[in-house]
């Protein structure tokens, strides 16, 4: 069993998290990891009434989630598509 991971600010432990806590937060898009950011945008795009997402809608979703749309790589876009397929 792995040890807890800690949120540390100014050298003080604020909170401790088990690995499953971090995974759940990343899944929900609350983490600023690559996967967390992709999930955040996917959750936003899943709310769209459109069957297809155009570039303008993708960029707007990114901006509304505080994610740079130009930072997405081909791999990130593939992961975004898989996430959308899973949640819609």
Protein backbone atom coordinates (compact mmCIF):
# COMPACT_ATOMS: atom_id res chain seq x y z
CA UNK A 1 0.00 0.00 0.00
CA UNK A 2 1.38 3.38 -0.96
CA UNK A 3 1.79 6.18 1.49
CA UNK A 4 -0.43 9.22 1.38
CA UNK A 5 0.63 12.17 -0.71
CA UNK A 6 0.58 15.56 0.92
CA UNK A 7 -0.46 19.06 -0.06
CA UNK A 8 2.28 21.25 1.35
CA UNK A 9 2.26 25.04 1.48
CA UNK A 10 5.11 27.09 2.92
CA UNK A 11 6.67 23.94 4.38
CA UNK A 12 3.53 22.93 6.27
CA UNK A 13 1.33 19.93 5.55
CA UNK A 14 -2.17 21.19 4.74
CA UNK A 15 -3.89 17.96 3.72
CA UNK A 16 -2.98 14.39 2.94
CA UNK A 17 -4.44 12.44 0.05
CA UNK A 18 -4.52 8.75 -0.76
CA UNK A 19 -3.80 7.81 -4.37
CA UNK A 20 -7.48 7.16 -5.06
CA UNK A 21 -8.35 10.69 -3.86
CA UNK A 22 -5.93 12.16 -6.38
CA UNK A 23 -7.25 9.90 -9.15
CA UNK A 24 -10.85 10.95 -8.41
CA UNK A 25 -9.92 14.64 -8.44
CA UNK A 26 -8.05 14.21 -11.71
CA UNK A 27 -10.98 12.30 -13.23
CA UNK A 28 -13.29 15.17 -12.32
CA UNK A 29 -10.90 17.71 -13.83
CA UNK A 30 -9.88 19.36 -10.55
CA UNK A 31 -6.15 18.73 -11.03
CA UNK A 32 -3.84 20.79 -13.21
CA UNK A 33 -2.19 17.69 -14.63
CA UNK A 34 -2.46 17.00 -18.34
CA UNK A 35 -5.19 14.40 -17.76
CA UNK A 36 -7.00 16.68 -15.33
CA UNK A 37 -7.05 19.53 -17.84
CA UNK A 38 -8.26 17.23 -20.61
CA UNK A 39 -11.03 15.91 -18.35
CA UNK A 40 -12.02 19.46 -17.43
CA UNK A 41 -12.44 20.39 -21.11
CA UNK A 42 -14.19 17.09 -21.88
CA UNK A 43 -16.71 17.66 -19.10
CA UNK A 44 -17.42 21.12 -20.51
CA UNK A 45 -17.77 19.86 -24.09
CA UNK A 46 -20.06 17.04 -22.96
CA UNK A 47 -22.62 19.72 -22.06
CA UNK A 48 -22.79 20.85 -25.70
CA UNK A 49 -26.03 20.08 -27.55
CA UNK A 50 -24.04 19.65 -30.78
CA UNK A 51 -23.11 16.23 -32.17
CA UNK A 52 -19.85 17.57 -33.56
CA UNK A 53 -17.51 20.10 -32.01
CA UNK A 54 -15.97 22.72 -34.25
CA UNK A 55 -12.74 24.58 -33.58
CA UNK A 56 -14.50 27.68 -32.23
CA UNK A 57 -16.51 25.64 -29.72
CA UNK A 58 -13.40 23.70 -28.66
CA UNK A 59 -11.45 26.92 -28.14
CA UNK A 60 -14.32 28.50 -26.19
CA UNK A 61 -14.61 25.43 -23.95
CA UNK A 62 -10.88 25.54 -23.26
CA UNK A 63 -10.94 29.23 -22.44
CA UNK A 64 -13.96 28.83 -20.15
CA UNK A 65 -12.05 26.08 -18.30
CA UNK A 66 -8.90 28.22 -18.06
CA UNK A 67 -6.99 25.85 -20.37
CA UNK A 68 -4.83 27.05 -23.25
CA UNK A 69 -6.35 25.54 -26.42
CA UNK A 70 -3.01 25.85 -28.22
CA UNK A 71 -1.33 23.59 -25.68
CA UNK A 72 -3.16 20.47 -26.91
CA UNK A 73 -1.02 17.94 -28.76
CA UNK A 74 -2.35 15.26 -31.12
CA UNK A 75 -2.08 12.79 -28.24
CA UNK A 76 -4.07 15.15 -25.97
CA UNK A 77 -6.79 15.49 -28.61
CA UNK A 78 -6.97 11.71 -28.95
CA UNK A 79 -7.29 11.40 -25.18
CA UNK A 80 -9.99 14.11 -25.20
CA UNK A 81 -11.92 12.16 -27.84
CA UNK A 82 -11.70 8.94 -25.81
CA UNK A 83 -12.89 10.79 -22.70
CA UNK A 84 -15.83 12.31 -24.61
CA UNK A 85 -16.74 8.89 -26.01
CA UNK A 86 -16.74 7.54 -22.45
CA UNK A 87 -18.90 10.25 -20.85
CA UNK A 88 -21.39 10.95 -23.63
